[in-house]
C-alpha atoms as a PDB file:
ATOM      1  CA  MET A   1     -28.216  -7.515   8.495  1.00  0.00           C
ATOM      2  CA  ALA A   2     -29.657  -4.449  10.246  1.00  0.00           C
ATOM      3  CA  ASP A   3     -31.618  -1.284   9.665  1.00  0.00           C
ATOM      4  CA  PHE A   4     -32.707   1.915  11.371  1.00  0.00           C
ATOM      5  CA  GLU A   5     -35.236   4.641  10.734  1.00  0.00           C
ATOM      6  CA  PHE A   6     -34.305   8.016   9.295  1.00  0.00           C
ATOM      7  CA  GLN A   7     -36.836  10.619   8.186  1.00  0.00           C
ATOM      8  CA  ASN A   8     -39.545   8.015   8.770  1.00  0.00           C
ATOM      9  CA  LYS A   9     -37.934   5.662   6.247  1.00  0.00           C
ATOM     10  CA  ILE A  10     -35.868   2.491   6.665  1.00  0.00           C
ATOM     11  CA  VAL A  11     -32.132   2.551   5.977  1.00  0.00           C
ATOM     12  CA  TYR A  12     -30.462  -0.835   5.493  1.00  0.00           C
ATOM     13  CA  TYR A  13     -26.843  -1.384   6.483  1.00  0.00           C
ATOM     14  CA  GLU A  14     -24.357  -4.151   7.275  1.00  0.00           C
ATOM     15  CA  SER A  15     -21.410  -4.247   9.684  1.00  0.00           C
ATOM     16  CA  TYR A  16     -18.546  -6.745   9.832  1.00  0.00           C
ATOM     17  CA  GLY A  17     -15.424  -7.150  11.948  1.00  0.00           C
ATOM     18  CA  SER A  18     -13.830  -4.704  14.355  1.00  0.00           C
ATOM     19  CA  GLY A  19     -11.101  -2.111  14.370  1.00  0.00           C
ATOM     20  CA  GLU A  20     -10.619   1.184  12.549  1.00  0.00           C
ATOM     21  CA  PRO A  21     -13.999   1.691  10.774  1.00  0.00           C
ATOM     22  CA  ILE A  22     -14.277   1.867   6.988  1.00  0.00           C
ATOM     23  CA  LEU A  23     -17.576   2.971   5.432  1.00  0.00           C
ATOM     24  CA  LEU A  24     -17.859   2.025   1.743  1.00  0.00           C
ATOM     25  CA  LEU A  25     -20.336   4.123  -0.237  1.00  0.00           C
ATOM     26  CA  ASN A  26     -22.103   2.655  -3.278  1.00  0.00           C
ATOM     27  CA  GLY A  27     -22.040   3.800  -6.844  1.00  0.00           C
ATOM     28  CA  LEU A  28     -25.395   4.752  -8.362  1.00  0.00           C
ATOM     29  CA  MET A  29     -26.398   1.293  -9.634  1.00  0.00           C
ATOM     30  CA  MET A  30     -24.890  -0.600  -6.698  1.00  0.00           C
ATOM     31  CA  SER A  31     -26.086  -1.925  -3.338  1.00  0.00           C
ATOM     32  CA  THR A  32     -24.533  -3.574  -0.294  1.00  0.00           C
ATOM     33  CA  LYS A  33     -24.548  -6.828  -2.295  1.00  0.00           C
ATOM     34  CA  SER A  34     -22.025  -5.316  -4.695  1.00  0.00           C
ATOM     35  CA  TRP A  35     -19.360  -5.454  -1.988  1.00  0.00           C
ATOM     36  CA  VAL A  36     -19.646  -9.174  -1.174  1.00  0.00           C
ATOM     37  CA  PRO A  37     -16.288 -10.064  -2.821  1.00  0.00           C
ATOM     38  CA  PHE A  38     -14.528  -7.518  -0.582  1.00  0.00           C
ATOM     39  CA  ILE A  39     -16.033  -8.314   2.816  1.00  0.00           C
ATOM     40  CA  GLU A  40     -13.396 -10.831   3.905  1.00  0.00           C
ATOM     41  CA  ASN A  41     -10.417  -8.570   3.138  1.00  0.00           C
ATOM     42  CA  PHE A  42     -11.960  -5.395   4.517  1.00  0.00           C
ATOM     43  CA  SER A  43     -13.244  -6.909   7.759  1.00  0.00           C
ATOM     44  CA  ARG A  44     -10.114  -8.886   8.680  1.00  0.00           C
ATOM     45  CA  ASP A  45      -8.481  -6.023  10.583  1.00  0.00           C
ATOM     46  CA  ASN A  46     -11.105  -3.296  10.306  1.00  0.00           C
ATOM     47  CA  ARG A  47     -14.745  -2.705  11.002  1.00  0.00           C
ATOM     48  CA  LEU A  48     -16.421  -2.688   7.594  1.00  0.00           C
ATOM     49  CA  ILE A  49     -19.704  -0.809   7.229  1.00  0.00           C
ATOM     50  CA  LEU A  50     -21.914  -1.005   4.136  1.00  0.00           C
ATOM     51  CA  VAL A  51     -25.111   0.943   3.525  1.00  0.00           C
ATOM     52  CA  ASP A  52     -27.789   1.267   0.876  1.00  0.00           C
ATOM     53  CA  PHE A  53     -28.656   4.854   0.031  1.00  0.00           C
ATOM     54  CA  PHE A  54     -32.324   5.705  -0.354  1.00  0.00           C
ATOM     55  CA  ASP A  55     -33.611   4.192  -3.637  1.00  0.00           C
ATOM     56  CA  GLN A  56     -30.917   1.493  -3.474  1.00  0.00           C
ATOM     57  CA  GLY A  57     -30.970  -2.147  -2.405  1.00  0.00           C
ATOM     58  CA  GLN A  58     -32.942  -2.782   0.759  1.00  0.00           C
ATOM     59  CA  SER A  59     -33.304   0.830   1.883  1.00  0.00           C
ATOM     60  CA  ALA A  60     -36.581   2.680   1.409  1.00  0.00           C
ATOM     61  CA  ARG A  61     -37.789   3.996  -1.923  1.00  0.00           C
ATOM     62  CA  MET A  62     -38.414   7.714  -2.278  1.00  0.00           C
ATOM     63  CA  ASP A  63     -41.596   9.232  -3.676  1.00  0.00           C
ATOM     64  CA  ARG A  64     -40.133  12.617  -4.573  1.00  0.00           C
ATOM     65  CA  ALA A  65     -37.129  14.211  -6.209  1.00  0.00           C
ATOM     66  CA  TYR A  66     -34.059  14.945  -4.069  1.00  0.00           C
ATOM     67  CA  ASP A  67     -30.389  15.858  -4.358  1.00  0.00           C
ATOM     68  CA  HIS A  68     -27.189  14.619  -2.726  1.00  0.00           C
ATOM     69  CA  GLY A  69     -28.125  16.433   0.467  1.00  0.00           C
ATOM     70  CA  LEU A  70     -30.548  13.648   1.355  1.00  0.00           C
ATOM     71  CA  GLN A  71     -27.906  10.911   1.035  1.00  0.00           C
ATOM     72  CA  ILE A  72     -25.331  13.036   2.873  1.00  0.00           C
ATOM     73  CA  ALA A  73     -27.764  13.391   5.765  1.00  0.00           C
ATOM     74  CA  LEU A  74     -28.323   9.608   5.657  1.00  0.00           C
ATOM     75  CA  VAL A  75     -24.572   9.032   6.151  1.00  0.00           C
ATOM     76  CA  GLY A  76     -24.579  11.283   9.206  1.00  0.00           C
ATOM     77  CA  ALA A  77     -27.626   9.523  10.626  1.00  0.00           C
ATOM     78  CA  LEU A  78     -25.915   6.136  10.129  1.00  0.00           C
ATOM     79  CA  LEU A  79     -22.844   7.256  12.082  1.00  0.00           C
ATOM     80  CA  ASP A  80     -25.105   8.590  14.851  1.00  0.00           C
ATOM     81  CA  HIS A  81     -26.987   5.283  14.935  1.00  0.00           C
ATOM     82  CA  LEU A  82     -23.714   3.336  15.195  1.00  0.00           C
ATOM     83  CA  GLY A  83     -22.306   5.712  17.820  1.00  0.00           C
ATOM     84  CA  LEU A  84     -19.292   6.579  15.655  1.00  0.00           C
ATOM     85  CA  ASP A  85     -17.709   9.995  16.041  1.00  0.00           C
ATOM     86  CA  ARG A  86     -15.384   9.489  13.064  1.00  0.00           C
ATOM     87  CA  VAL A  87     -15.036   7.096  10.174  1.00  0.00           C
ATOM     88  CA  ASN A  88     -12.793   6.439   7.202  1.00  0.00           C
ATOM     89  CA  LEU A  89     -14.985   7.238   4.227  1.00  0.00           C
ATOM     90  CA  CYS A  90     -14.395   5.495   0.897  1.00  0.00           C
ATOM     91  CA  GLY A  91     -16.750   5.969  -2.033  1.00  0.00           C
ATOM     92  CA  ILE A  92     -16.857   5.078  -5.694  1.00  0.00           C
ATOM     93  CA  SER A  93     -18.567   7.200  -8.370  1.00  0.00           C
ATOM     94  CA  TYR A  94     -21.907   8.392  -6.903  1.00  0.00           C
ATOM     95  CA  GLY A  95     -20.687   7.259  -3.483  1.00  0.00           C
ATOM     96  CA  ALA A  96     -17.488   9.287  -3.890  1.00  0.00           C
ATOM     97  CA  GLU A  97     -19.568  12.381  -4.566  1.00  0.00           C
ATOM     98  CA  VAL A  98     -21.792  11.786  -1.531  1.00  0.00           C
ATOM     99  CA  GLY A  99     -18.687  11.072   0.560  1.00  0.00           C
ATOM    100  CA  LEU A 100     -17.086  14.289  -0.674  1.00  0.00           C
ATOM    101  CA  GLY A 101     -20.227  16.215   0.233  1.00  0.00           C
ATOM    102  CA  PHE A 102     -20.319  14.666   3.697  1.00  0.00           C
ATOM    103  CA  ALA A 103     -16.637  15.447   4.311  1.00  0.00           C
ATOM    104  CA  LEU A 104     -17.262  19.078   3.371  1.00  0.00           C
ATOM    105  CA  GLU A 105     -20.277  19.356   5.670  1.00  0.00           C
ATOM    106  CA  SER A 106     -18.889  17.331   8.593  1.00  0.00           C
ATOM    107  CA  PRO A 107     -15.073  17.333   8.330  1.00  0.00           C
ATOM    108  CA  ALA A 108     -14.575  16.420  11.989  1.00  0.00           C
ATOM    109  CA  ARG A 109     -16.343  13.108  11.355  1.00  0.00           C
ATOM    110  CA  VAL A 110     -14.052  11.967   8.527  1.00  0.00           C
ATOM    111  CA  ARG A 111     -10.628  10.616   9.505  1.00  0.00           C
ATOM    112  CA  ARG A 112      -9.493   9.843   5.957  1.00  0.00           C
ATOM    113  CA  LEU A 113     -11.317  10.187   2.642  1.00  0.00           C
ATOM    114  CA  ALA A 114     -10.804   7.966  -0.432  1.00  0.00           C
ATOM    115  CA  LEU A 115     -12.490   8.976  -3.692  1.00  0.00           C
ATOM    116  CA  PHE A 116     -12.562   6.410  -6.502  1.00  0.00           C
ATOM    117  CA  ASN A 117     -13.814   7.471  -9.939  1.00  0.00           C
ATOM    118  CA  GLY A 118     -15.496  10.500  -8.412  1.00  0.00           C
ATOM    119  CA  ALA A 119     -15.789  14.146  -9.348  1.00  0.00           C
ATOM    120  CA  ALA A 120     -16.414  17.551  -7.818  1.00  0.00           C
ATOM    121  CA  ARG A 121     -19.240  18.306 -10.242  1.00  0.00           C
ATOM    122  CA  THR A 122     -21.582  16.767 -12.754  1.00  0.00           C
ATOM    123  CA  ALA A 123     -19.919  17.851 -15.979  1.00  0.00           C
ATOM    124  CA  PRO A 124     -22.077  18.603 -19.061  1.00  0.00           C
ATOM    125  CA  LEU A 125     -20.977  15.360 -20.735  1.00  0.00           C
ATOM    126  CA  LEU A 126     -21.924  13.236 -17.720  1.00  0.00           C
ATOM    127  CA  ALA A 127     -25.213  15.113 -17.342  1.00  0.00           C
ATOM    128  CA  ASP A 128     -26.172  14.221 -20.906  1.00  0.00           C
ATOM    129  CA  ILE A 129     -25.112  10.603 -20.413  1.00  0.00           C
ATOM    130  CA  GLY A 130     -27.416  10.484 -17.387  1.00  0.00           C
ATOM    131  CA  ARG A 131     -30.271  11.961 -19.430  1.00  0.00           C
ATOM    132  CA  GLY A 132     -29.650   9.235 -21.982  1.00  0.00           C
ATOM    133  CA  TRP A 133     -30.013   6.610 -19.245  1.00  0.00           C
ATOM    134  CA  ASN A 134     -33.290   8.203 -18.179  1.00  0.00           C
ATOM    135  CA  GLU A 135     -34.640   8.147 -21.721  1.00  0.00           C
ATOM    136  CA  ALA A 136     -33.681   4.469 -22.034  1.00  0.00           C
ATOM    137  CA  ALA A 137     -35.511   3.796 -18.761  1.00  0.00           C
ATOM    138  CA  LYS A 138     -38.734   5.004 -20.364  1.00  0.00           C
ATOM    139  CA  LEU A 139     -38.588   2.251 -22.989  1.00  0.00           C
ATOM    140  CA  GLU A 140     -40.166  -1.174 -22.651  1.00  0.00           C
ATOM    141  CA  GLY A 141     -38.067  -3.863 -20.955  1.00  0.00           C
ATOM    142  CA  GLY A 142     -34.549  -3.571 -19.611  1.00  0.00           C
ATOM    143  CA  LEU A 143     -32.304  -4.137 -22.624  1.00  0.00           C
ATOM    144  CA  ALA A 144     -32.207  -0.496 -23.726  1.00  0.00           C
ATOM    145  CA  TYR A 145     -31.214   0.669 -20.254  1.00  0.00           C
ATOM    146  CA  TYR A 146     -28.573  -2.044 -19.968  1.00  0.00           C
ATOM    147  CA  LEU A 147     -26.992  -1.129 -23.299  1.00  0.00           C
ATOM    148  CA  ALA A 148     -27.102   2.588 -22.534  1.00  0.00           C
ATOM    149  CA  ALA A 149     -25.678   2.346 -19.005  1.00  0.00           C
ATOM    150  CA  ILE A 150     -23.480  -0.702 -18.567  1.00  0.00           C
ATOM    151  CA  PRO A 151     -20.952  -0.992 -21.450  1.00  0.00           C
ATOM    152  CA  VAL A 152     -19.588   2.533 -20.906  1.00  0.00           C
ATOM    153  CA  ILE A 153     -18.802   1.712 -17.271  1.00  0.00           C
ATOM    154  CA  TYR A 154     -16.020  -0.706 -18.253  1.00  0.00           C
ATOM    155  CA  SER A 155     -12.792  -0.340 -20.173  1.00  0.00           C
ATOM    156  CA  ASP A 156     -12.580  -1.895 -23.618  1.00  0.00           C
ATOM    157  CA  THR A 157      -9.836  -4.235 -22.390  1.00  0.00           C
ATOM    158  CA  PHE A 158     -11.928  -5.592 -19.514  1.00  0.00           C
ATOM    159  CA  TYR A 159     -14.967  -5.895 -21.777  1.00  0.00           C
ATOM    160  CA  GLU A 160     -13.082  -8.170 -24.164  1.00  0.00           C
ATOM    161  CA  ARG A 161     -11.169 -10.215 -21.586  1.00  0.00           C
ATOM    162  CA  GLN A 162     -14.205 -10.778 -19.380  1.00  0.00           C
ATOM    163  CA  SER A 163     -16.755 -11.411 -22.121  1.00  0.00           C
ATOM    164  CA  SER A 164     -18.311 -14.395 -20.321  1.00  0.00           C
ATOM    165  CA  TRP A 165     -18.631 -12.376 -17.095  1.00  0.00           C
ATOM    166  CA  MET A 166     -20.228  -9.521 -19.036  1.00  0.00           C
ATOM    167  CA  ALA A 167     -22.660 -11.964 -20.642  1.00  0.00           C
ATOM    168  CA  LYS A 168     -23.728 -13.150 -17.188  1.00  0.00           C
ATOM    169  CA  ARG A 169     -24.113  -9.518 -16.079  1.00  0.00           C
ATOM    170  CA  GLN A 170     -26.415  -8.884 -19.020  1.00  0.00           C
ATOM    171  CA  GLU A 171     -28.441 -12.005 -18.260  1.00  0.00           C
ATOM    172  CA  THR A 172     -28.922 -10.837 -14.670  1.00  0.00           C
ATOM    173  CA  LEU A 173     -29.362  -7.112 -15.180  1.00  0.00           C
ATOM    174  CA  VAL A 174     -31.694  -6.928 -18.193  1.00  0.00           C
ATOM    175  CA  PRO A 175     -34.667  -8.406 -16.276  1.00  0.00           C
ATOM    176  CA  TYR A 176     -33.773  -6.253 -13.255  1.00  0.00           C
ATOM    177  CA  PHE A 177     -33.665  -3.069 -15.346  1.00  0.00           C
ATOM    178  CA  GLY A 178     -36.963  -4.134 -16.895  1.00  0.00           C
ATOM    179  CA  GLU A 179     -38.816  -3.631 -13.615  1.00  0.00           C
ATOM    180  CA  THR A 180     -40.739  -0.347 -13.614  1.00  0.00           C
ATOM    181  CA  GLU A 181     -40.029   0.359  -9.964  1.00  0.00           C
ATOM    182  CA  VAL A 182     -36.287  -0.200 -10.468  1.00  0.00           C
ATOM    183  CA  LYS A 183     -36.190   2.218 -13.387  1.00  0.00           C
ATOM    184  CA  GLU A 184     -38.083   4.829 -11.389  1.00  0.00           C
ATOM    185  CA  ARG A 185     -35.494   4.544  -8.611  1.00  0.00           C
ATOM    186  CA  LEU A 186     -32.594   4.822 -11.062  1.00  0.00           C
ATOM    187  CA  ILE A 187     -34.102   7.928 -12.632  1.00  0.00           C
ATOM    188  CA  ARG A 188     -34.397   9.598  -9.217  1.00  0.00           C
ATOM    189  CA  LEU A 189     -30.823   8.637  -8.304  1.00  0.00           C
ATOM    190  CA  THR A 190     -29.503   9.943 -11.618  1.00  0.00           C
ATOM    191  CA  ASN A 191     -31.436  13.185 -11.291  1.00  0.00           C
ATOM    192  CA  SER A 192     -30.108  13.693  -7.756  1.00  0.00           C
ATOM    193  CA  SER A 193     -26.684  14.388  -9.287  1.00  0.00           C
ATOM    194  CA  GLU A 194     -27.953  16.865 -11.872  1.00  0.00           C
ATOM    195  CA  ASN A 195     -26.888  20.019 -10.011  1.00  0.00           C
ATOM    196  CA  PHE A 196     -23.949  18.577  -8.053  1.00  0.00           C
ATOM    197  CA  ASN A 197     -21.035  21.028  -7.910  1.00  0.00           C
ATOM    198  CA  VAL A 198     -18.665  21.530  -4.970  1.00  0.00           C
ATOM    199  CA  VAL A 199     -15.662  22.800  -6.938  1.00  0.00           C
ATOM    200  CA  ASP A 200     -15.515  26.076  -5.021  1.00  0.00           C
ATOM    201  CA  LYS A 201     -15.576  24.278  -1.659  1.00  0.00           C
ATOM    202  CA  LEU A 202     -12.741  21.780  -2.137  1.00  0.00           C
ATOM    203  CA  SER A 203     -10.111  23.907  -0.398  1.00  0.00           C
ATOM    204  CA  ARG A 204     -11.975  23.425   2.896  1.00  0.00           C
ATOM    205  CA  LEU A 205     -10.939  19.767   3.146  1.00  0.00           C
ATOM    206  CA  ASP A 206      -8.164  19.272   5.682  1.00  0.00           C
ATOM    207  CA  MET A 207      -8.171  15.508   6.264  1.00  0.00           C
ATOM    208  CA  PRO A 208      -5.906  13.149   4.254  1.00  0.00           C
ATOM    209  CA  VAL A 209      -7.547  12.575   0.859  1.00  0.00           C
ATOM    210  CA  LEU A 210      -6.789   9.864  -1.696  1.00  0.00           C
ATOM    211  CA  VAL A 211      -8.041  10.464  -5.255  1.00  0.00           C
ATOM    212  CA  VAL A 212      -8.022   7.375  -7.468  1.00  0.00           C
ATOM    213  CA  SER A 213      -8.567   7.818 -11.193  1.00  0.00           C
ATOM    214  CA  ALA A 214      -8.836   5.321 -14.029  1.00  0.00           C
ATOM    215  CA  GLU A 215      -7.064   5.731 -17.336  1.00  0.00           C
ATOM    216  CA  LYS A 216     -10.085   4.564 -19.344  1.00  0.00           C
ATOM    217  CA  ASP A 217     -12.881   6.067 -17.264  1.00  0.00           C
ATOM    218  CA  TYR A 218     -15.352   7.193 -19.929  1.00  0.00           C
ATOM    219  CA  LEU A 219     -17.823   8.683 -17.429  1.00  0.00           C
ATOM    220  CA  VAL A 220     -15.440  10.670 -15.209  1.00  0.00           C
ATOM    221  CA  PRO A 221     -12.337  11.306 -17.330  1.00  0.00           C
ATOM    222  CA  LEU A 222      -8.971  12.397 -15.964  1.00  0.00           C
ATOM    223  CA  GLY A 223      -9.756  16.049 -16.587  1.00  0.00           C
ATOM    224  CA  GLU A 224     -12.458  15.906 -13.914  1.00  0.00           C
ATOM    225  CA  GLN A 225      -9.963  14.303 -11.524  1.00  0.00           C
ATOM    226  CA  GLU A 226      -7.601  17.199 -12.128  1.00  0.00           C
ATOM    227  CA  ILE A 227     -10.287  19.577 -10.852  1.00  0.00           C
ATOM    228  CA  LEU A 228     -10.316  17.619  -7.600  1.00  0.00           C
ATOM    229  CA  LEU A 229      -6.541  17.691  -7.360  1.00  0.00           C
ATOM    230  CA  ARG A 230      -6.289  21.423  -8.001  1.00  0.00           C
ATOM    231  CA  GLY A 231      -8.886  22.141  -5.353  1.00  0.00           C
ATOM    232  CA  ILE A 232      -7.920  19.745  -2.545  1.00  0.00           C
ATOM    233  CA  LYS A 233      -4.805  20.679  -0.602  1.00  0.00           C
ATOM    234  CA  ASP A 234      -2.121  17.972  -0.737  1.00  0.00           C
ATOM    235  CA  ALA A 235      -4.404  15.261  -2.130  1.00  0.00           C
ATOM    236  CA  HIS A 236      -2.722  11.953  -2.945  1.00  0.00           C
ATOM    237  CA  HIS A 237      -3.350  10.751  -6.498  1.00  0.00           C
ATOM    238  CA  VAL A 238      -3.204   7.325  -8.118  1.00  0.00           C
ATOM    239  CA  ILE A 239      -4.084   6.551 -11.740  1.00  0.00           C
ATOM    240  CA  LEU A 240      -5.098   2.968 -12.496  1.00  0.00           C
ATOM    241  CA  SER A 241      -3.805   2.041 -15.931  1.00  0.00           C
ATOM    242  CA  ASP A 242      -5.977   0.205 -18.460  1.00  0.00           C
ATOM    243  CA  CYS A 243      -9.004   0.517 -16.164  1.00  0.00           C
ATOM    244  CA  GLY A 244     -12.524   1.877 -16.526  1.00  0.00           C
ATOM    245  CA  HIS A 245     -15.114   3.469 -14.247  1.00  0.00           C
ATOM    246  CA  ALA A 246     -15.901   0.232 -12.372  1.00  0.00           C
ATOM    247  CA  SER A 247     -12.418   0.104 -10.867  1.00  0.00           C
ATOM    248  CA  MET A 248     -13.492  -2.082  -7.935  1.00  0.00           C
ATOM    249  CA  TYR A 249     -14.329  -4.904 -10.359  1.00  0.00           C
ATOM    250  CA  GLU A 250     -11.593  -4.302 -12.916  1.00  0.00           C
ATOM    251  CA  LYS A 251      -8.766  -3.948 -10.365  1.00  0.00           C
ATOM    252  CA  PRO A 252     -10.096  -5.547  -7.152  1.00  0.00           C
ATOM    253  CA  LEU A 253      -6.691  -6.250  -5.600  1.00  0.00           C
ATOM    254  CA  LEU A 254      -5.466  -2.709  -6.192  1.00  0.00           C
ATOM    255  CA  PHE A 255      -8.785  -1.303  -5.013  1.00  0.00           C
ATOM    256  CA  SER A 256      -8.478  -3.232  -1.746  1.00  0.00           C
ATOM    257  CA  ALA A 257      -4.774  -2.537  -1.240  1.00  0.00           C
ATOM    258  CA  LEU A 258      -5.137   1.193  -1.829  1.00  0.00           C
ATOM    259  CA  ILE A 259      -7.984   1.615   0.652  1.00  0.00           C
ATOM    260  CA  LEU A 260      -6.579  -0.669   3.347  1.00  0.00           C
ATOM    261  CA  GLY A 261      -3.107   0.809   3.067  1.00  0.00           C
ATOM    262  CA  PHE A 262      -4.400   4.374   3.108  1.00  0.00           C
ATOM    263  CA  VAL A 263      -6.683   3.779   6.077  1.00  0.00           C
ATOM    264  CA  ASN A 264      -4.371   1.652   8.193  1.00  0.00           C
ATOM    265  CA  ALA A 265      -1.046   3.424   7.732  1.00  0.00           C
ATOM    266  CA  SER A 266      -0.318   4.755  11.220  1.00  0.00           C
ATOM    267  CA  GLN A 267       2.213   7.288   9.988  1.00  0.00           C
ATOM    268  CA  THR A 268       1.250  10.078   7.587  1.00  0.00           C
ATOM    269  CA  GLU A 269       4.265  12.393   7.922  1.00  0.00           C
ATOM    270  CA  PHE A 270       7.721  11.195   6.877  1.00  0.00           C
ATOM    271  CA  GLU A 271      11.164  12.771   7.166  1.00  0.00           C
ATOM    272  CA  ILE A 272      13.328  11.869   4.209  1.00  0.00           C
END
């Protein structure tokens, strides 16, 4: 729908509706298109903002290695471009980590922070999983990358119940992952998380924070969520039962209700 220039490169974003602004931040393999099923709900009473990070969707491709700092700066530049002093920041996976980094660097610009399937660090297990994705990306075609990256994102229950949907995902994504330029982008995005670790900074957060975990998240298990909860003062915590890393797709109603309720609740202190 729109774009602007940041660091001499194009950043693509979309904006819908009006009201208290919600910025949804993509997971690593996502783009603004991933949020299409949620646009109607999220823009009914709020201003919904979507953005493609560098190396995602319709934003510019990078020609060098980078870390989360680049995407964090992109978020700040987007808010400047939109003239927004503060926003409700909601991210999933990679987007949760970028959102967490932005909230730590610019706390005055984050009204409320929702972290779905995110972490405060790239744990050794996740780092090796990412290296496995990168090795698969070096192989011919897109099937190896699909099989290395996609099945582990979902819970076993969802995988079985939604077998036809998963088959369509494979039909769509294998050719996409087979494109050399796409694999190069995914490798850079994966590598940008290699040294991510903000564990020692979590206590600085002073805005309301919602941490949403998934019982069957094989990429960011509950133990990593506990690190967030120990570090963030008075964080709210929800565990989605029988759900994997792609919680937005596995539990779309809960995903929507949790964010909209958290953002739009006018009262945060209660006397009981």
